[in-house]
Amino acid sequence: MTDFHVHIGQYEKAYYYADRVFSVLKKNGVDEVYFSSTTSCIFCKESTNIRFSEHERKNAPSASTLY
């Protein structure tokens, strides 16, 4: 089963950790997910927040490494 609408990361005062969310989905028969998060890539190479800092960009993980 595929879930096309999964959110992870910060939502109001709660943080939904990807490993926990994905684990619960897997235990409930979900084989594949399409997810999004406003917080999962804040500090990755692809983030627009750090494109202007060469030092930060070189040292940041990629989005695929994070998940």
PDB file of N, CA and C in Angstrom:
ATOM      1  N   MET A   1       0.844  -1.165   0.000  1.00  0.00           N
ATOM      2  CA  MET A   1       0.000   0.000   0.000  1.00  0.00           C
ATOM      3  C   MET A   1       0.896   1.236   0.000  1.00  0.00           C
ATOM      4  N   THR A   2       0.471   2.247  -0.696  1.00  0.00           N
ATOM      5  CA  THR A   2       1.211   3.508  -0.785  1.00  0.00           C
ATOM      6  C   THR A   2       0.408   4.628  -0.133  1.00  0.00           C
ATOM      7  N   ASP A   3       1.091   5.432   0.675  1.00  0.00           N
ATOM      8  CA  ASP A   3       0.471   6.623   1.256  1.00  0.00           C
ATOM      9  C   ASP A   3       1.093   7.825   0.557  1.00  0.00           C
ATOM     10  N   PHE A   4       0.288   8.556  -0.176  1.00  0.00           N
ATOM     11  CA  PHE A   4       0.775   9.690  -0.952  1.00  0.00           C
ATOM     12  C   PHE A   4       0.769  11.010  -0.186  1.00  0.00           C
ATOM     13  N   HIS A   5       0.419  10.987   1.097  1.00  0.00           N
ATOM     14  CA  HIS A   5       0.292  12.240   1.837  1.00  0.00           C
ATOM     15  C   HIS A   5       0.784  12.065   3.272  1.00  0.00           C
ATOM     16  N   VAL A   6       2.095  12.099   3.448  1.00  0.00           N
ATOM     17  CA  VAL A   6       2.697  11.937   4.776  1.00  0.00           C
ATOM     18  C   VAL A   6       3.504  13.191   5.095  1.00  0.00           C
ATOM     19  N   HIS A   7       3.321  13.701   6.288  1.00  0.00           N
ATOM     20  CA  HIS A   7       4.088  14.867   6.735  1.00  0.00           C
ATOM     21  C   HIS A   7       4.959  14.468   7.921  1.00  0.00           C
ATOM     22  N   ILE A   8       6.164  14.985   7.938  1.00  0.00           N
ATOM     23  CA  ILE A   8       7.071  14.772   9.064  1.00  0.00           C
ATOM     24  C   ILE A   8       7.640  16.119   9.467  1.00  0.00           C
ATOM     25  N   GLY A   9       8.274  16.161  10.630  1.00  0.00           N
ATOM     26  CA  GLY A   9       8.907  17.393  11.086  1.00  0.00           C
ATOM     27  C   GLY A   9       8.033  18.172  12.049  1.00  0.00           C
ATOM     28  N   GLN A  10       8.318  19.451  12.156  1.00  0.00           N
ATOM     29  CA  GLN A  10       7.640  20.320  13.114  1.00  0.00           C
ATOM     30  C   GLN A  10       6.220  20.620  12.690  1.00  0.00           C
ATOM     31  N   TYR A  11       5.289  20.496  13.623  1.00  0.00           N
ATOM     32  CA  TYR A  11       3.911  20.942  13.423  1.00  0.00           C
ATOM     33  C   TYR A  11       3.436  21.542  14.731  1.00  0.00           C
ATOM     34  N   GLU A  12       3.275  22.850  14.733  1.00  0.00           N
ATOM     35  CA  GLU A  12       2.950  23.600  15.936  1.00  0.00           C
ATOM     36  C   GLU A  12       3.964  23.262  17.026  1.00  0.00           C
ATOM     37  N   LYS A  13       3.541  22.731  18.171  1.00  0.00           N
ATOM     38  CA  LYS A  13       4.487  22.473  19.263  1.00  0.00           C
ATOM     39  C   LYS A  13       5.044  21.053  19.250  1.00  0.00           C
ATOM     40  N   ALA A  14       4.619  20.243  18.320  1.00  0.00           N
ATOM     41  CA  ALA A  14       5.073  18.841  18.256  1.00  0.00           C
ATOM     42  C   ALA A  14       6.052  18.646  17.098  1.00  0.00           C
ATOM     43  N   TYR A  15       6.984  17.708  17.287  1.00  0.00           N
ATOM     44  CA  TYR A  15       7.908  17.331  16.216  1.00  0.00           C
ATOM     45  C   TYR A  15       7.662  15.867  15.890  1.00  0.00           C
ATOM     46  N   TYR A  16       7.349  15.577  14.651  1.00  0.00           N
ATOM     47  CA  TYR A  16       7.063  14.214  14.202  1.00  0.00           C
ATOM     48  C   TYR A  16       8.300  13.650  13.528  1.00  0.00           C
ATOM     49  N   TYR A  17       9.017  12.791  14.243  1.00  0.00           N
ATOM     50  CA  TYR A  17      10.268  12.211  13.757  1.00  0.00           C
ATOM     51  C   TYR A  17      10.006  11.232  12.627  1.00  0.00           C
ATOM     52  N   ALA A  18      10.791  11.349  11.565  1.00  0.00           N
ATOM     53  CA  ALA A  18      10.601  10.513  10.381  1.00  0.00           C
ATOM     54  C   ALA A  18      10.677   9.029  10.713  1.00  0.00           C
ATOM     55  N   ASP A  19      11.664   8.613  11.499  1.00  0.00           N
ATOM     56  CA  ASP A  19      11.800   7.181  11.792  1.00  0.00           C
ATOM     57  C   ASP A  19      10.581   6.640  12.531  1.00  0.00           C
ATOM     58  N   ARG A  20      10.009   7.437  13.405  1.00  0.00           N
ATOM     59  CA  ARG A  20       8.818   7.000  14.148  1.00  0.00           C
ATOM     60  C   ARG A  20       7.588   6.942  13.253  1.00  0.00           C
ATOM     61  N   VAL A  21       7.407   7.967  12.445  1.00  0.00           N
ATOM     62  CA  VAL A  21       6.257   8.011  11.538  1.00  0.00           C
ATOM     63  C   VAL A  21       6.336   6.857  10.543  1.00  0.00           C
ATOM     64  N   PHE A  22       7.509   6.666   9.936  1.00  0.00           N
ATOM     65  CA  PHE A  22       7.663   5.612   8.932  1.00  0.00           C
ATOM     66  C   PHE A  22       7.500   4.227   9.560  1.00  0.00           C
ATOM     67  N   SER A  23       7.986   4.054  10.782  1.00  0.00           N
ATOM     68  CA  SER A  23       7.858   2.767  11.474  1.00  0.00           C
ATOM     69  C   SER A  23       6.389   2.418  11.716  1.00  0.00           C
ATOM     70  N   VAL A  24       5.618   3.382  12.177  1.00  0.00           N
ATOM     71  CA  VAL A  24       4.185   3.145  12.422  1.00  0.00           C
ATOM     72  C   VAL A  24       3.470   2.821  11.117  1.00  0.00           C
ATOM     73  N   LEU A  25       3.795   3.545  10.070  1.00  0.00           N
ATOM     74  CA  LEU A  25       3.168   3.277   8.778  1.00  0.00           C
ATOM     75  C   LEU A  25       3.510   1.872   8.288  1.00  0.00           C
ATOM     76  N   LYS A  26       4.781   1.490   8.419  1.00  0.00           N
ATOM     77  CA  LYS A  26       5.208   0.159   7.978  1.00  0.00           C
ATOM     78  C   LYS A  26       4.494  -0.946   8.762  1.00  0.00           C
ATOM     79  N   LYS A  27       4.373  -0.753  10.069  1.00  0.00           N
ATOM     80  CA  LYS A  27       3.682  -1.739  10.910  1.00  0.00           C
ATOM     81  C   LYS A  27       2.210  -1.886  10.531  1.00  0.00           C
ATOM     82  N   ASN A  28       1.673  -0.858   9.891  1.00  0.00           N
ATOM     83  CA  ASN A  28       0.265  -0.874   9.502  1.00  0.00           C
ATOM     84  C   ASN A  28       0.066  -1.155   8.015  1.00  0.00           C
ATOM     85  N   GLY A  29       1.077  -1.750   7.391  1.00  0.00           N
ATOM     86  CA  GLY A  29       0.934  -2.225   6.021  1.00  0.00           C
ATOM     87  C   GLY A  29       1.277  -1.268   4.905  1.00  0.00           C
ATOM     88  N   VAL A  30       1.857  -0.132   5.228  1.00  0.00           N
ATOM     89  CA  VAL A  30       2.238   0.820   4.190  1.00  0.00           C
ATOM     90  C   VAL A  30       3.647   0.469   3.704  1.00  0.00           C
ATOM     91  N   ASP A  31       3.778   0.212   2.414  1.00  0.00           N
ATOM     92  CA  ASP A  31       5.057  -0.183   1.819  1.00  0.00           C
ATOM     93  C   ASP A  31       5.846   0.990   1.255  1.00  0.00           C
ATOM     94  N   GLU A  32       5.140   2.052   0.887  1.00  0.00           N
ATOM     95  CA  GLU A  32       5.768   3.169   0.194  1.00  0.00           C
ATOM     96  C   GLU A  32       5.093   4.458   0.636  1.00  0.00           C
ATOM     97  N   VAL A  33       5.893   5.526   0.823  1.00  0.00           N
ATOM     98  CA  VAL A  33       5.318   6.817   1.203  1.00  0.00           C
ATOM     99  C   VAL A  33       5.918   7.934   0.365  1.00  0.00           C
ATOM    100  N   TYR A  34       5.131   8.958   0.181  1.00  0.00           N
ATOM    101  CA  TYR A  34       5.591  10.210  -0.390  1.00  0.00           C
ATOM    102  C   TYR A  34       5.428  11.225   0.736  1.00  0.00           C
ATOM    103  N   PHE A  35       6.536  11.786   1.183  1.00  0.00           N
ATOM    104  CA  PHE A  35       6.469  12.650   2.353  1.00  0.00           C
ATOM    105  C   PHE A  35       7.019  14.034   2.071  1.00  0.00           C
ATOM    106  N   SER A  36       6.623  14.939   2.922  1.00  0.00           N
ATOM    107  CA  SER A  36       7.153  16.292   2.861  1.00  0.00           C
ATOM    108  C   SER A  36       7.345  16.813   4.271  1.00  0.00           C
ATOM    109  N   SER A  37       8.256  17.761   4.375  1.00  0.00           N
ATOM    110  CA  SER A  37       8.523  18.373   5.666  1.00  0.00           C
ATOM    111  C   SER A  37       9.140  19.737   5.455  1.00  0.00           C
ATOM    112  N   THR A  38       8.672  20.682   6.213  1.00  0.00           N
ATOM    113  CA  THR A  38       9.284  22.006   6.139  1.00  0.00           C
ATOM    114  C   THR A  38      10.564  22.060   6.956  1.00  0.00           C
ATOM    115  N   THR A  39      10.771  21.078   7.820  1.00  0.00           N
ATOM    116  CA  THR A  39      11.951  21.120   8.687  1.00  0.00           C
ATOM    117  C   THR A  39      13.022  20.097   8.342  1.00  0.00           C
ATOM    118  N   SER A  40      12.718  19.104   7.535  1.00  0.00           N
ATOM    119  CA  SER A  40      13.687  18.034   7.311  1.00  0.00           C
ATOM    120  C   SER A  40      14.905  18.479   6.521  1.00  0.00           C
ATOM    121  N   CYS A  41      14.789  19.528   5.731  1.00  0.00           N
ATOM    122  CA  CYS A  41      15.911  19.956   4.897  1.00  0.00           C
ATOM    123  C   CYS A  41      16.370  21.380   5.195  1.00  0.00           C
ATOM    124  N   ILE A  42      16.133  21.848   6.383  1.00  0.00           N
ATOM    125  CA  ILE A  42      16.541  23.208   6.728  1.00  0.00           C
ATOM    126  C   ILE A  42      18.045  23.383   6.569  1.00  0.00           C
ATOM    127  N   PHE A  43      18.823  22.370   6.914  1.00  0.00           N
ATOM    128  CA  PHE A  43      20.272  22.494   6.881  1.00  0.00           C
ATOM    129  C   PHE A  43      20.919  21.531   5.893  1.00  0.00           C
ATOM    130  N   CYS A  44      20.291  21.327   4.749  1.00  0.00           N
ATOM    131  CA  CYS A  44      20.895  20.459   3.742  1.00  0.00           C
ATOM    132  C   CYS A  44      21.459  21.305   2.597  1.00  0.00           C
ATOM    133  N   LYS A  45      22.275  20.688   1.780  1.00  0.00           N
ATOM    134  CA  LYS A  45      22.916  21.395   0.673  1.00  0.00           C
ATOM    135  C   LYS A  45      21.918  22.096  -0.242  1.00  0.00           C
ATOM    136  N   GLU A  46      20.746  21.494  -0.398  1.00  0.00           N
ATOM    137  CA  GLU A  46      19.753  22.044  -1.311  1.00  0.00           C
ATOM    138  C   GLU A  46      18.943  23.192  -0.723  1.00  0.00           C
ATOM    139  N   SER A  47      19.084  23.434   0.558  1.00  0.00           N
ATOM    140  CA  SER A  47      18.310  24.474   1.227  1.00  0.00           C
ATOM    141  C   SER A  47      18.689  25.860   0.722  1.00  0.00           C
ATOM    142  N   THR A  48      17.702  26.680   0.445  1.00  0.00           N
ATOM    143  CA  THR A  48      17.984  28.054   0.016  1.00  0.00           C
ATOM    144  C   THR A  48      18.559  28.875   1.161  1.00  0.00           C
ATOM    145  N   ASN A  49      18.381  28.416   2.393  1.00  0.00           N
ATOM    146  CA  ASN A  49      18.901  29.157   3.544  1.00  0.00           C
ATOM    147  C   ASN A  49      20.419  29.188   3.592  1.00  0.00           C
ATOM    148  N   ILE A  50      21.087  28.213   2.990  1.00  0.00           N
ATOM    149  CA  ILE A  50      22.547  28.172   3.109  1.00  0.00           C
ATOM    150  C   ILE A  50      23.261  28.265   1.772  1.00  0.00           C
ATOM    151  N   ARG A  51      22.560  28.481   0.714  1.00  0.00           N
ATOM    152  CA  ARG A  51      23.208  28.584  -0.596  1.00  0.00           C
ATOM    153  C   ARG A  51      24.202  29.735  -0.671  1.00  0.00           C
ATOM    154  N   PHE A  52      24.040  30.717   0.162  1.00  0.00           N
ATOM    155  CA  PHE A  52      24.898  31.882   0.088  1.00  0.00           C
ATOM    156  C   PHE A  52      26.145  31.755   0.950  1.00  0.00           C
ATOM    157  N   SER A  53      26.221  30.710   1.743  1.00  0.00           N
ATOM    158  CA  SER A  53      27.389  30.498   2.588  1.00  0.00           C
ATOM    159  C   SER A  53      28.142  29.273   2.077  1.00  0.00           C
ATOM    160  N   GLU A  54      29.270  29.501   1.443  1.00  0.00           N
ATOM    161  CA  GLU A  54      30.061  28.405   0.869  1.00  0.00           C
ATOM    162  C   GLU A  54      30.508  27.414   1.935  1.00  0.00           C
ATOM    163  N   HIS A  55      30.925  27.897   3.095  1.00  0.00           N
ATOM    164  CA  HIS A  55      31.361  27.014   4.184  1.00  0.00           C
ATOM    165  C   HIS A  55      30.219  26.113   4.653  1.00  0.00           C
ATOM    166  N   GLU A  56      29.049  26.685   4.891  1.00  0.00           N
ATOM    167  CA  GLU A  56      27.898  25.890   5.335  1.00  0.00           C
ATOM    168  C   GLU A  56      27.458  24.892   4.268  1.00  0.00           C
ATOM    169  N   ARG A  57      27.454  25.332   3.022  1.00  0.00           N
ATOM    170  CA  ARG A  57      27.019  24.450   1.943  1.00  0.00           C
ATOM    171  C   ARG A  57      27.941  23.235   1.809  1.00  0.00           C
ATOM    172  N   LYS A  58      29.249  23.448   1.902  1.00  0.00           N
ATOM    173  CA  LYS A  58      30.209  22.346   1.781  1.00  0.00           C
ATOM    174  C   LYS A  58      30.079  21.345   2.914  1.00  0.00           C
ATOM    175  N   ASN A  59      29.731  21.815   4.099  1.00  0.00           N
ATOM    176  CA  ASN A  59      29.665  20.943   5.274  1.00  0.00           C
ATOM    177  C   ASN A  59      28.289  20.358   5.557  1.00  0.00           C
ATOM    178  N   ALA A  60      27.284  20.824   4.868  1.00  0.00           N
ATOM    179  CA  ALA A  60      25.919  20.347   5.103  1.00  0.00           C
ATOM    180  C   ALA A  60      25.696  18.994   4.428  1.00  0.00           C
ATOM    181  N   PRO A  61      24.858  18.144   5.024  1.00  0.00           N
ATOM    182  CA  PRO A  61      24.509  16.884   4.361  1.00  0.00           C
ATOM    183  C   PRO A  61      23.539  17.151   3.216  1.00  0.00           C
ATOM    184  N   SER A  62      23.413  16.206   2.324  1.00  0.00           N
ATOM    185  CA  SER A  62      22.415  16.330   1.261  1.00  0.00           C
ATOM    186  C   SER A  62      21.058  15.920   1.806  1.00  0.00           C
ATOM    187  N   ALA A  63      20.010  16.284   1.106  1.00  0.00           N
ATOM    188  CA  ALA A  63      18.658  15.913   1.531  1.00  0.00           C
ATOM    189  C   ALA A  63      18.500  14.393   1.549  1.00  0.00           C
ATOM    190  N   SER A  64      19.072  13.713   0.555  1.00  0.00           N
ATOM    191  CA  SER A  64      18.944  12.254   0.519  1.00  0.00           C
ATOM    192  C   SER A  64      19.697  11.588   1.662  1.00  0.00           C
ATOM    193  N   THR A  65      20.792  12.180   2.127  1.00  0.00           N
ATOM    194  CA  THR A  65      21.526  11.644   3.264  1.00  0.00           C
ATOM    195  C   THR A  65      20.700  11.752   4.541  1.00  0.00           C
ATOM    196  N   LEU A  66      19.955  12.851   4.677  1.00  0.00           N
ATOM    197  CA  LEU A  66      19.147  13.045   5.871  1.00  0.00           C
ATOM    198  C   LEU A  66      18.070  11.986   5.999  1.00  0.00           C
ATOM    199  N   TYR A  67      17.512  11.550   4.861  1.00  0.00           N
ATOM    200  CA  TYR A  67      16.466  10.539   4.905  1.00  0.00           C
ATOM    201  C   TYR A  67      16.756   9.405   3.985  1.00  0.00           C
TER     202      TYR A  67
END
